[in-house]
Amino acid sequence: MRSKSNVARHKRVKKVFDRAKGFWGKRKNLIRVASESVDRAEHFATRDRRARKRDFRGLWITRISAACHQRGVNYSSFIHGLKRAGLELDRKMLADLALRDEPAFDKLVETARAQSA
């Protein structure tokens, strides 16, 4: 008896087409092109989830550095002063303070200055 792969094949193809929904042209309705496009898209999605974390850290450091330079202190001495003062705020919170709550950030800068001097 000859075995057929109808049900299994249709499930497999349907899975690829569901993931290719929204793609343009042949990428959404030809199985070979769609599966290549889906594999490529998933590869980039995985890579870029990790890259996003690096990008945001760089953005936060840039914002903190700019706020520090406005107050006459450089980034590295600011971070060093905070570490010596025992203040363990992450860079995301520091960037948010620099952007939204300037008086609080000014106090942190003064604390860091006092510790690094």
C-alpha atoms as a PDB file:
ATOM      1  CA  MET A   1       0.000   0.000   0.000  1.00  0.00           C
ATOM      2  CA  ARG A   2       1.288   3.467  -0.923  1.00  0.00           C
ATOM      3  CA  SER A   3       1.498   6.004   1.890  1.00  0.00           C
ATOM      4  CA  LYS A   4       0.329   9.514   1.154  1.00  0.00           C
ATOM      5  CA  SER A   5       1.293  12.640   3.042  1.00  0.00           C
ATOM      6  CA  ASN A   6      -1.822  14.700   2.438  1.00  0.00           C
ATOM      7  CA  VAL A   7      -2.749  15.636   5.996  1.00  0.00           C
ATOM      8  CA  ALA A   8       0.822  16.058   7.243  1.00  0.00           C
ATOM      9  CA  ARG A   9       1.880  18.025   4.178  1.00  0.00           C
ATOM     10  CA  HIS A  10      -1.124  20.337   4.339  1.00  0.00           C
ATOM     11  CA  LYS A  11      -0.455  21.020   8.027  1.00  0.00           C
ATOM     12  CA  ARG A  12       3.188  21.811   7.305  1.00  0.00           C
ATOM     13  CA  VAL A  13       2.376  24.086   4.362  1.00  0.00           C
ATOM     14  CA  LYS A  14      -0.399  25.832   6.267  1.00  0.00           C
ATOM     15  CA  LYS A  15       2.001  26.572   9.122  1.00  0.00           C
ATOM     16  CA  VAL A  16       4.465  28.230   6.737  1.00  0.00           C
ATOM     17  CA  PHE A  17       1.746  30.271   5.001  1.00  0.00           C
ATOM     18  CA  ASP A  18       0.328  31.415   8.352  1.00  0.00           C
ATOM     19  CA  ARG A  19       3.752  32.711   9.361  1.00  0.00           C
ATOM     20  CA  ALA A  20       4.182  34.357   5.915  1.00  0.00           C
ATOM     21  CA  LYS A  21       0.932  36.290   6.225  1.00  0.00           C
ATOM     22  CA  GLY A  22       1.506  39.906   5.272  1.00  0.00           C
ATOM     23  CA  PHE A  23       4.499  39.165   3.042  1.00  0.00           C
ATOM     24  CA  TRP A  24       4.452  40.658  -0.458  1.00  0.00           C
ATOM     25  CA  GLY A  25       4.112  38.885  -3.811  1.00  0.00           C
ATOM     26  CA  LYS A  26       5.227  35.272  -4.182  1.00  0.00           C
ATOM     27  CA  ARG A  27       6.619  35.309  -0.655  1.00  0.00           C
ATOM     28  CA  LYS A  28       3.145  34.711   0.753  1.00  0.00           C
ATOM     29  CA  ASN A  29       1.714  32.094  -1.633  1.00  0.00           C
ATOM     30  CA  LEU A  30       4.502  29.914  -3.096  1.00  0.00           C
ATOM     31  CA  ILE A  31       5.710  27.347  -0.579  1.00  0.00           C
ATOM     32  CA  ARG A  32       9.409  27.354  -1.503  1.00  0.00           C
ATOM     33  CA  VAL A  33       9.741  31.152  -1.549  1.00  0.00           C
ATOM     34  CA  ALA A  34       7.522  31.523   1.517  1.00  0.00           C
ATOM     35  CA  SER A  35       9.486  29.021   3.599  1.00  0.00           C
ATOM     36  CA  GLU A  36      12.791  30.734   2.689  1.00  0.00           C
ATOM     37  CA  SER A  37      11.330  34.115   3.591  1.00  0.00           C
ATOM     38  CA  VAL A  38       9.918  32.839   6.867  1.00  0.00           C
ATOM     39  CA  ASP A  39      13.250  31.252   7.837  1.00  0.00           C
ATOM     40  CA  ARG A  40      15.073  34.484   7.034  1.00  0.00           C
ATOM     41  CA  ALA A  41      12.554  36.593   8.942  1.00  0.00           C
ATOM     42  CA  GLU A  42      12.787  34.355  12.008  1.00  0.00           C
ATOM     43  CA  HIS A  43      16.584  34.522  11.886  1.00  0.00           C
ATOM     44  CA  PHE A  44      16.532  38.326  11.856  1.00  0.00           C
ATOM     45  CA  ALA A  45      13.862  38.454  14.572  1.00  0.00           C
ATOM     46  CA  THR A  46      16.012  36.331  16.876  1.00  0.00           C
ATOM     47  CA  ARG A  47      19.159  38.336  16.135  1.00  0.00           C
ATOM     48  CA  ASP A  48      17.469  41.690  16.538  1.00  0.00           C
ATOM     49  CA  ARG A  49      15.795  40.842  19.847  1.00  0.00           C
ATOM     50  CA  ARG A  50      19.305  40.600  21.247  1.00  0.00           C
ATOM     51  CA  ALA A  51      20.548  43.670  19.365  1.00  0.00           C
ATOM     52  CA  ARG A  52      17.665  45.767  20.708  1.00  0.00           C
ATOM     53  CA  LYS A  53      18.999  45.349  24.240  1.00  0.00           C
ATOM     54  CA  ARG A  54      22.414  46.678  23.159  1.00  0.00           C
ATOM     55  CA  ASP A  55      20.835  49.566  21.254  1.00  0.00           C
ATOM     56  CA  PHE A  56      18.766  50.707  24.212  1.00  0.00           C
ATOM     57  CA  ARG A  57      21.739  50.551  26.578  1.00  0.00           C
ATOM     58  CA  GLY A  58      23.679  52.790  24.192  1.00  0.00           C
ATOM     59  CA  LEU A  59      20.770  55.220  24.021  1.00  0.00           C
ATOM     60  CA  TRP A  60      20.519  55.412  27.815  1.00  0.00           C
ATOM     61  CA  ILE A  61      24.258  56.033  28.157  1.00  0.00           C
ATOM     62  CA  THR A  62      24.074  58.816  25.550  1.00  0.00           C
ATOM     63  CA  ARG A  63      21.198  60.488  27.385  1.00  0.00           C
ATOM     64  CA  ILE A  64      22.931  60.251  30.771  1.00  0.00           C
ATOM     65  CA  SER A  65      26.168  61.575  29.276  1.00  0.00           C
ATOM     66  CA  ALA A  66      24.402  64.565  27.705  1.00  0.00           C
ATOM     67  CA  ALA A  67      22.647  65.398  30.972  1.00  0.00           C
ATOM     68  CA  CYS A  68      25.933  65.103  32.872  1.00  0.00           C
ATOM     69  CA  HIS A  69      27.771  67.398  30.467  1.00  0.00           C
ATOM     70  CA  GLN A  70      25.059  70.037  30.944  1.00  0.00           C
ATOM     71  CA  ARG A  71      25.891  69.937  34.647  1.00  0.00           C
ATOM     72  CA  GLY A  72      29.651  70.061  34.191  1.00  0.00           C
ATOM     73  CA  VAL A  73      30.595  66.465  34.978  1.00  0.00           C
ATOM     74  CA  ASN A  74      31.567  63.683  32.604  1.00  0.00           C
ATOM     75  CA  TYR A  75      29.778  60.353  32.384  1.00  0.00           C
ATOM     76  CA  SER A  76      32.498  58.111  33.773  1.00  0.00           C
ATOM     77  CA  SER A  77      33.112  60.183  36.901  1.00  0.00           C
ATOM     78  CA  PHE A  78      29.344  60.409  37.446  1.00  0.00           C
ATOM     79  CA  ILE A  79      28.930  56.624  37.316  1.00  0.00           C
ATOM     80  CA  HIS A  80      32.035  56.129  39.457  1.00  0.00           C
ATOM     81  CA  GLY A  81      30.709  58.574  42.067  1.00  0.00           C
ATOM     82  CA  LEU A  82      27.355  56.810  42.185  1.00  0.00           C
ATOM     83  CA  LYS A  83      29.062  53.438  42.677  1.00  0.00           C
ATOM     84  CA  ARG A  84      31.191  54.820  45.515  1.00  0.00           C
ATOM     85  CA  ALA A  85      28.085  56.349  47.122  1.00  0.00           C
ATOM     86  CA  GLY A  86      26.403  52.943  47.029  1.00  0.00           C
ATOM     87  CA  LEU A  87      23.577  54.074  44.747  1.00  0.00           C
ATOM     88  CA  GLU A  88      22.695  51.206  42.483  1.00  0.00           C
ATOM     89  CA  LEU A  89      20.406  52.696  39.858  1.00  0.00           C
ATOM     90  CA  ASP A  90      20.522  51.090  36.448  1.00  0.00           C
ATOM     91  CA  ARG A  91      21.140  53.151  33.333  1.00  0.00           C
ATOM     92  CA  LYS A  92      17.506  52.922  32.234  1.00  0.00           C
ATOM     93  CA  MET A  93      16.340  54.597  35.440  1.00  0.00           C
ATOM     94  CA  LEU A  94      19.130  57.195  35.324  1.00  0.00           C
ATOM     95  CA  ALA A  95      18.233  58.137  31.735  1.00  0.00           C
ATOM     96  CA  ASP A  96      14.570  58.426  32.694  1.00  0.00           C
ATOM     97  CA  LEU A  97      15.446  60.697  35.635  1.00  0.00           C
ATOM     98  CA  ALA A  98      17.666  62.845  33.427  1.00  0.00           C
ATOM     99  CA  LEU A  99      14.821  63.264  30.962  1.00  0.00           C
ATOM    100  CA  ARG A 100      11.791  63.636  33.238  1.00  0.00           C
ATOM    101  CA  ASP A 101      12.938  64.674  36.719  1.00  0.00           C
ATOM    102  CA  GLU A 102      15.806  67.164  36.517  1.00  0.00           C
ATOM    103  CA  PRO A 103      15.903  68.162  40.225  1.00  0.00           C
ATOM    104  CA  ALA A 104      16.355  64.523  41.248  1.00  0.00           C
ATOM    105  CA  PHE A 105      19.088  64.076  38.646  1.00  0.00           C
ATOM    106  CA  ASP A 106      20.797  67.244  39.935  1.00  0.00           C
ATOM    107  CA  LYS A 107      20.900  65.706  43.429  1.00  0.00           C
ATOM    108  CA  LEU A 108      22.435  62.541  42.002  1.00  0.00           C
ATOM    109  CA  VAL A 109      25.093  64.609  40.227  1.00  0.00           C
ATOM    110  CA  GLU A 110      25.924  66.417  43.474  1.00  0.00           C
ATOM    111  CA  THR A 111      26.148  63.091  45.316  1.00  0.00           C
ATOM    112  CA  ALA A 112      28.474  61.717  42.652  1.00  0.00           C
ATOM    113  CA  ARG A 113      30.628  64.878  42.760  1.00  0.00           C
ATOM    114  CA  ALA A 114      30.971  64.635  46.534  1.00  0.00           C
ATOM    115  CA  GLN A 115      32.040  60.986  46.337  1.00  0.00           C
ATOM    116  CA  SER A 116      34.541  61.370  43.495  1.00  0.00           C
ATOM    117  CA  ALA A 117      36.276  64.407  45.024  1.00  0.00           C
END
